[in-house]
Amino acid sequence: MARPAYRVVANLLLKGIIMPVSLSGRHFLRLLDFSTEEIEYLLKLSKNFKDMKRAGVPHRYLEGKNIVLLFQKTSTRTRCAFEVGAMDLGMGVTYLDPNSSQMGKKESIEDTARVLGRFYDGIEFRGFAQSDVEELAANAGVPVWNGLTTEWHPTQMLADILTVQENFNYDIKGRTLVFMGDAKNNVARSLMVVCAKLGMNFVACGPKDCMPADDVLDACRPIAAENGCTITLTDDVKEGCTGADVIYTDVWVSMGEPDEVWEPRIKSLEPYRVTSELMALAKPEAIFLHCLPSFHDTNTTIGAQKAEQFGITEMEVTDEVFESKQSKVFDEAENRMHTIKAVMYATLS
């Protein structure tokens, strides 16, 4: 019997990424656990899945499998990316919000992992402590994927780098990415890792007390040296942004942080707001990235509250930059789906 036409086309699209790399059965908890070659494989796989999605080519390669999404922290992009990606691959999906699971309340993480591992082929976790996702992975018996913890955000990084690749003709080695603001947060830490692994120069530009911790720096510096790139820490905006290829920022206060951090955080980080003047320091072809959501205006409940409370209508990025041609934030958001699909496929196939 002849194979369906879509499978022939899909197999041709995937043929270009055959590499001596197998991630089958692996957890996806942080990018420090993956080699340069493995990350490059996931990025190539992501591009191929994006091509198939855009071409309308079905790719239900994981039909019959089921996954569960465990969310301690809510999210638009992470949930939708996992759900749509899983359904495109033919899988069933169960979503458990913070009130739908007894994990950590009436049931230990270890016991939850052992139960869910009997029901599902893969488990996604988005929450607080990295130790929680690691405990799930240690006990589930199936691949576990980190959708975000306080320490790391590995799935976001693949979407970020795919977006950079698309804007620089897939030639990213030696380019410079600058993170503006609180460079000790999970996004900045993860960006430093992926840049070091892929040969991109990483610059953390923010207050001196908002720099990455020594343990992350100690892990990344030898990797960067091996791949011919640099890691720079600076509190000088002009020094940090001049000649950059990518300017990246994130919200100043993360979900779950207490209200009392807003005032000192705003005071500390206002000099590092991404403005048109700051973007002009970068290369003319530089792009702006943000993992979203963003406080670039007052059209949100929190944005309006903070504008009334502190007299600011824009926080980490101005609306002018956010809506500019240099802003690739919605391409970046879409790429969450394609890259997460690649992670699920690679670890479950």
Protein backbone atom coordinates (compact mmCIF):
# COMPACT_ATOMS: atom_id res chain seq x y z
CA MET A 1 0.00 0.00 0.00
CA ALA A 2 1.34 3.44 -0.93
CA ARG A 3 2.18 5.75 1.92
CA PRO A 4 -0.06 8.83 2.35
CA ALA A 5 1.38 11.78 0.43
CA TYR A 6 1.77 13.87 3.57
CA ARG A 7 4.05 11.25 5.14
CA VAL A 8 6.27 11.23 2.06
CA VAL A 9 6.58 15.04 2.16
CA ALA A 10 7.12 15.10 5.91
CA ASN A 11 9.82 12.45 5.71
CA LEU A 12 11.60 14.47 3.02
CA LEU A 13 11.46 17.56 5.23
CA LEU A 14 12.88 15.65 8.17
CA LYS A 15 15.56 13.95 6.09
CA GLY A 16 17.71 17.06 6.13
CA ILE A 17 18.28 16.84 9.89
CA ILE A 18 19.37 13.25 10.28
CA MET A 19 22.28 13.42 12.70
CA PRO A 20 24.08 10.98 14.99
CA VAL A 21 22.03 12.40 17.86
CA SER A 22 19.41 10.59 19.89
CA LEU A 23 17.47 12.28 22.69
CA SER A 24 14.96 9.47 23.07
CA GLY A 25 13.93 9.04 26.69
CA ARG A 26 15.89 12.11 27.85
CA HIS A 27 14.57 14.75 30.25
CA PHE A 28 14.68 18.42 29.23
CA LEU A 29 15.40 20.27 32.47
CA ARG A 30 18.17 22.79 31.62
CA LEU A 31 20.40 23.43 28.63
CA LEU A 32 23.59 22.87 30.62
CA ASP A 33 22.72 19.17 30.31
CA PHE A 34 22.87 19.27 26.49
CA SER A 35 25.80 19.48 24.10
CA THR A 36 26.14 22.05 21.35
CA GLU A 37 25.36 19.34 18.79
CA GLU A 38 22.18 18.30 20.63
CA ILE A 39 20.92 21.89 20.85
CA GLU A 40 21.67 22.44 17.16
CA TYR A 41 19.76 19.25 16.37
CA LEU A 42 16.70 20.50 18.27
CA LEU A 43 16.87 23.83 16.43
CA LYS A 44 17.04 22.12 13.04
CA LEU A 45 14.17 19.86 14.01
CA SER A 46 12.19 22.95 15.10
CA LYS A 47 12.71 24.62 11.73
CA ASN A 48 11.53 21.51 9.93
CA PHE A 49 8.41 21.25 12.05
CA LYS A 50 7.74 24.94 11.39
CA ASP A 51 8.09 24.33 7.65
CA MET A 52 5.63 21.44 7.86
CA LYS A 53 3.15 23.50 9.90
CA ARG A 54 3.34 26.39 7.43
CA ALA A 55 2.93 24.02 4.47
CA GLY A 56 -0.09 22.32 6.04
CA VAL A 57 1.69 18.96 6.13
CA PRO A 58 0.30 16.69 8.90
CA HIS A 59 2.93 15.18 11.18
CA ARG A 60 1.12 12.99 13.69
CA TYR A 61 4.24 10.96 14.46
CA LEU A 62 3.38 10.37 18.13
CA GLU A 63 -0.19 9.21 17.69
CA GLY A 64 -1.38 7.10 20.61
CA LYS A 65 0.84 8.81 23.19
CA ASN A 66 -0.42 11.08 25.98
CA ILE A 67 1.19 13.88 27.99
CA VAL A 68 0.26 15.85 31.10
CA LEU A 69 0.98 19.52 31.79
CA LEU A 70 1.55 20.39 35.46
CA PHE A 71 1.29 24.14 36.06
CA GLN A 72 2.06 25.79 39.38
CA LYS A 73 2.52 29.05 37.44
CA THR A 74 -0.02 29.94 34.75
CA SER A 75 1.10 30.86 31.24
CA THR A 76 -0.41 31.65 27.86
CA ARG A 77 2.47 30.70 25.54
CA THR A 78 3.81 27.67 27.39
CA ARG A 79 0.42 26.01 27.76
CA CYS A 80 -0.71 26.73 24.20
CA ALA A 81 2.64 25.69 22.73
CA PHE A 82 2.58 22.33 24.50
CA GLU A 83 -1.11 21.69 23.78
CA VAL A 84 -1.06 22.60 20.07
CA GLY A 85 2.34 20.99 19.55
CA ALA A 86 1.19 17.76 21.18
CA MET A 87 -2.06 17.67 19.20
CA ASP A 88 -0.18 18.31 15.93
CA LEU A 89 1.95 15.27 16.80
CA GLY A 90 -1.20 13.21 17.42
CA MET A 91 -1.00 13.06 21.21
CA GLY A 92 -3.63 13.45 23.89
CA VAL A 93 -3.11 16.24 26.44
CA THR A 94 -4.24 16.71 30.06
CA TYR A 95 -3.78 20.14 31.65
CA LEU A 96 -3.62 20.40 35.45
CA ASP A 97 -3.72 23.94 36.83
CA PRO A 98 -2.47 24.85 40.33
CA ASN A 99 -5.82 23.79 41.86
CA SER A 100 -6.24 20.53 39.95
CA SER A 101 -3.41 18.49 41.45
CA GLN A 102 -2.55 17.37 44.97
CA MET A 103 1.18 17.51 44.19
CA GLY A 104 3.06 18.97 47.12
CA LYS A 105 -0.12 19.35 49.19
CA LYS A 106 -1.72 16.00 49.94
CA GLU A 107 0.69 13.99 47.82
CA SER A 108 4.45 14.23 47.57
CA ILE A 109 6.16 15.15 44.31
CA GLU A 110 7.77 11.72 44.31
CA ASP A 111 4.42 9.91 44.59
CA THR A 112 2.80 12.21 42.01
CA ALA A 113 5.61 11.41 39.58
CA ARG A 114 5.22 7.67 40.08
CA VAL A 115 1.46 7.88 39.48
CA LEU A 116 1.60 10.13 36.43
CA GLY A 117 4.41 8.08 34.92
CA ARG A 118 1.99 5.13 34.81
CA PHE A 119 -0.63 7.17 32.90
CA TYR A 120 1.42 9.37 30.59
CA ASP A 121 4.30 9.15 28.14
CA GLY A 122 5.67 12.59 29.08
CA ILE A 123 5.26 15.20 31.81
CA GLU A 124 5.67 18.98 31.55
CA PHE A 125 6.21 21.05 34.70
CA ARG A 126 6.00 24.83 35.05
CA GLY A 127 6.51 26.10 38.55
CA PHE A 128 8.92 27.45 41.11
CA ALA A 129 11.79 25.29 42.40
CA GLN A 130 14.15 23.55 39.99
CA SER A 131 14.40 20.80 42.60
CA ASP A 132 10.70 20.03 42.02
CA VAL A 133 11.10 19.33 38.30
CA GLU A 134 14.25 17.35 39.03
CA GLU A 135 12.40 15.23 41.58
CA LEU A 136 9.65 14.58 39.03
CA ALA A 137 12.28 13.49 36.53
CA ALA A 138 13.98 11.22 39.06
CA ASN A 139 10.78 9.31 39.79
CA ALA A 140 8.45 9.47 36.78
CA GLY A 141 10.09 6.90 34.51
CA VAL A 142 9.12 8.99 31.46
CA PRO A 143 10.60 12.17 29.94
CA VAL A 144 9.99 15.32 31.98
CA TRP A 145 10.19 18.80 30.41
CA ASN A 146 10.87 22.04 32.24
CA GLY A 147 8.34 24.68 31.13
CA LEU A 148 9.89 27.20 33.57
CA THR A 149 11.31 27.25 37.06
CA THR A 150 12.76 30.04 39.15
CA GLU A 151 16.23 28.98 38.04
CA TRP A 152 15.85 28.01 34.35
CA HIS A 153 13.66 28.45 31.27
CA PRO A 154 15.11 26.08 28.64
CA THR A 155 12.17 25.84 26.22
CA GLN A 156 12.10 29.63 25.86
CA MET A 157 15.74 29.60 24.80
CA LEU A 158 15.14 27.40 21.78
CA ALA A 159 12.40 29.76 20.58
CA ASP A 160 14.68 32.74 21.13
CA ILE A 161 17.58 31.28 19.19
CA LEU A 162 15.38 30.03 16.35
CA THR A 163 14.12 33.62 16.01
CA VAL A 164 17.69 34.95 15.96
CA GLN A 165 18.61 32.37 13.32
CA GLU A 166 15.68 33.36 11.13
CA ASN A 167 16.69 37.02 11.22
CA PHE A 168 20.39 36.48 10.51
CA ASN A 169 20.22 33.83 7.79
CA TYR A 170 21.02 31.08 10.31
CA ASP A 171 24.49 32.59 10.83
CA ILE A 172 24.60 33.33 14.56
CA LYS A 173 28.10 32.33 15.68
CA GLY A 174 29.99 35.42 16.81
CA ARG A 175 26.90 37.61 17.07
CA THR A 176 26.18 39.49 20.28
CA LEU A 177 23.05 39.23 22.42
CA VAL A 178 22.53 41.79 25.20
CA PHE A 179 20.14 41.14 28.08
CA MET A 180 18.91 44.37 29.67
CA GLY A 181 17.72 44.54 33.27
CA ASP A 182 17.66 41.89 35.99
CA ALA A 183 20.33 39.56 34.63
CA LYS A 184 20.12 37.16 37.57
CA ASN A 185 16.65 35.89 36.58
CA ASN A 186 15.86 32.56 34.91
CA VAL A 187 15.68 33.97 31.38
CA ALA A 188 19.03 35.78 31.56
CA ARG A 189 20.74 32.76 33.15
CA SER A 190 19.37 30.48 30.43
CA LEU A 191 20.34 32.92 27.66
CA MET A 192 23.90 32.96 28.93
CA VAL A 193 24.02 29.16 28.73
CA VAL A 194 22.58 28.88 25.22
CA CYS A 195 24.80 31.68 23.89
CA ALA A 196 27.89 30.01 25.35
CA LYS A 197 26.88 26.67 23.85
CA LEU A 198 26.26 28.13 20.38
CA GLY A 199 29.15 30.57 20.14
CA MET A 200 27.25 33.83 20.63
CA ASN A 201 28.66 36.65 22.74
CA PHE A 202 26.46 37.31 25.78
CA VAL A 203 26.26 40.65 27.56
CA ALA A 204 24.41 41.15 30.86
CA CYS A 205 23.64 44.87 31.17
CA GLY A 206 22.05 45.98 34.42
CA PRO A 207 22.68 47.05 38.01
CA LYS A 208 25.70 45.47 39.67
CA ASP A 209 23.46 43.69 42.20
CA CYS A 210 21.43 42.13 39.37
CA MET A 211 24.21 40.14 37.75
CA PRO A 212 24.17 36.32 37.28
CA ALA A 213 25.39 34.27 40.22
CA ASP A 214 28.95 32.97 40.32
CA ASP A 215 27.90 29.34 39.92
CA VAL A 216 26.28 30.06 36.55
CA LEU A 217 29.21 32.19 35.42
CA ASP A 218 31.67 29.49 36.46
CA ALA A 219 29.70 26.93 34.45
CA CYS A 220 29.37 29.09 31.33
CA ARG A 221 32.77 30.75 30.98
CA PRO A 222 34.73 27.62 29.99
CA ILE A 223 31.94 26.64 27.57
CA ALA A 224 32.08 30.09 25.97
CA ALA A 225 35.87 29.94 25.71
CA GLU A 226 35.64 26.53 24.04
CA ASN A 227 33.15 27.91 21.49
CA GLY A 228 35.05 31.13 20.77
CA CYS A 229 32.62 33.62 22.34
CA THR A 230 32.57 35.94 25.34
CA ILE A 231 30.53 36.70 28.45
CA THR A 232 30.46 40.33 29.58
CA LEU A 233 28.88 41.91 32.66
CA THR A 234 28.37 45.68 32.71
CA ASP A 235 26.22 48.37 34.29
CA ASP A 236 27.03 50.80 31.45
CA VAL A 237 24.24 50.94 28.85
CA LYS A 238 26.40 52.46 26.10
CA GLU A 239 29.16 49.92 26.64
CA GLY A 240 26.72 47.04 26.78
CA CYS A 241 24.57 47.84 23.74
CA THR A 242 26.94 49.38 21.23
CA GLY A 243 27.22 47.13 18.18
CA ALA A 244 24.79 44.50 19.48
CA ASP A 245 22.85 42.19 17.16
CA VAL A 246 20.07 41.35 19.63
CA ILE A 247 18.63 43.39 22.50
CA TYR A 248 16.57 41.27 24.91
CA THR A 249 14.65 42.19 28.04
CA ASP A 250 12.11 40.74 30.45
CA VAL A 251 9.59 41.98 33.01
CA TRP A 252 11.06 43.62 36.09
CA VAL A 253 8.97 41.66 38.60
CA SER A 254 8.21 37.98 38.06
CA MET A 255 5.05 36.06 38.93
CA GLY A 256 4.96 35.11 42.59
CA GLU A 257 7.19 37.92 43.86
CA PRO A 258 5.75 40.09 46.68
CA ASP A 259 4.26 43.53 45.94
CA GLU A 260 6.90 45.31 48.02
CA VAL A 261 9.60 44.58 45.44
CA TRP A 262 7.97 46.80 42.80
CA GLU A 263 9.16 50.18 44.03
CA PRO A 264 12.87 49.35 44.52
CA ARG A 265 12.91 47.24 41.34
CA ILE A 266 11.50 50.07 39.23
CA LYS A 267 13.96 52.55 40.71
CA SER A 268 16.86 50.17 40.08
CA LEU A 269 15.94 49.08 36.55
CA GLU A 270 14.50 52.25 34.96
CA PRO A 271 17.92 53.22 33.52
CA TYR A 272 17.90 49.92 31.62
CA ARG A 273 14.54 50.36 29.88
CA VAL A 274 14.85 49.50 26.19
CA THR A 275 14.18 52.70 24.25
CA SER A 276 14.68 53.82 20.66
CA GLU A 277 17.81 55.67 21.78
CA LEU A 278 19.17 52.44 23.25
CA MET A 279 18.31 50.46 20.10
CA ALA A 280 20.19 53.08 18.05
CA LEU A 281 23.38 52.01 19.84
CA ALA A 282 23.01 48.53 18.38
CA LYS A 283 23.64 47.59 14.76
CA PRO A 284 21.12 48.94 12.22
CA GLU A 285 19.86 45.40 11.58
CA ALA A 286 19.58 44.53 15.30
CA ILE A 287 16.39 42.93 16.56
CA PHE A 288 14.47 43.26 19.82
CA LEU A 289 13.26 40.19 21.74
CA HIS A 290 11.10 39.70 24.84
CA CYS A 291 9.73 36.42 26.23
CA LEU A 292 6.36 38.08 27.03
CA PRO A 293 4.11 39.21 28.58
CA SER A 294 5.44 42.77 28.43
CA PHE A 295 4.54 45.97 30.23
CA HIS A 296 5.04 48.29 27.25
CA ASP A 297 1.80 50.21 27.87
CA THR A 298 -1.01 50.52 30.43
CA ASN A 299 -3.48 48.21 28.66
CA THR A 300 -3.29 45.57 31.39
CA THR A 301 -4.61 45.53 34.94
CA ILE A 302 -1.11 45.48 36.44
CA GLY A 303 0.21 48.03 33.95
CA ALA A 304 -2.58 50.45 34.83
CA GLN A 305 -2.10 49.87 38.56
CA LYS A 306 1.64 50.52 38.43
CA ALA A 307 1.15 53.60 36.23
CA GLU A 308 -1.17 55.07 38.84
CA GLN A 309 1.05 53.97 41.72
CA PHE A 310 4.48 54.96 40.36
CA GLY A 311 3.74 57.33 37.48
CA ILE A 312 5.26 55.17 34.73
CA THR A 313 3.40 54.20 31.58
CA GLU A 314 6.11 51.86 30.24
CA MET A 315 8.41 49.55 32.13
CA GLU A 316 11.11 47.32 30.67
CA VAL A 317 10.54 48.47 27.05
CA THR A 318 8.86 51.46 25.44
CA ASP A 319 5.80 50.96 23.29
CA GLU A 320 7.69 52.52 20.38
CA VAL A 321 10.32 49.78 20.43
CA PHE A 322 7.83 47.00 21.16
CA GLU A 323 5.76 47.94 18.10
CA SER A 324 8.75 48.70 15.84
CA LYS A 325 9.96 46.73 12.82
CA GLN A 326 12.95 45.64 14.88
CA SER A 327 10.65 43.90 17.35
CA LYS A 328 10.33 40.18 16.62
CA VAL A 329 8.46 39.27 19.80
CA PHE A 330 5.48 37.64 18.10
CA ASP A 331 7.67 35.54 15.80
CA GLU A 332 9.47 34.54 18.97
CA ALA A 333 6.16 33.65 20.67
CA GLU A 334 5.09 31.50 17.71
CA ASN A 335 8.42 29.73 17.79
CA ARG A 336 7.65 28.43 21.28
CA MET A 337 5.24 26.00 19.60
CA HIS A 338 7.67 24.75 16.96
CA THR A 339 10.58 24.33 19.37
CA ILE A 340 8.52 22.66 22.09
CA LYS A 341 7.16 20.30 19.45
CA ALA A 342 10.75 19.41 18.57
CA VAL A 343 11.60 18.69 22.22
CA MET A 344 8.59 16.42 22.63
CA TYR A 345 9.24 14.58 19.40
CA ALA A 346 12.95 14.10 20.05
CA THR A 347 12.48 12.76 23.57
CA LEU A 348 9.41 10.59 22.90
CA SER A 349 10.26 9.08 19.51
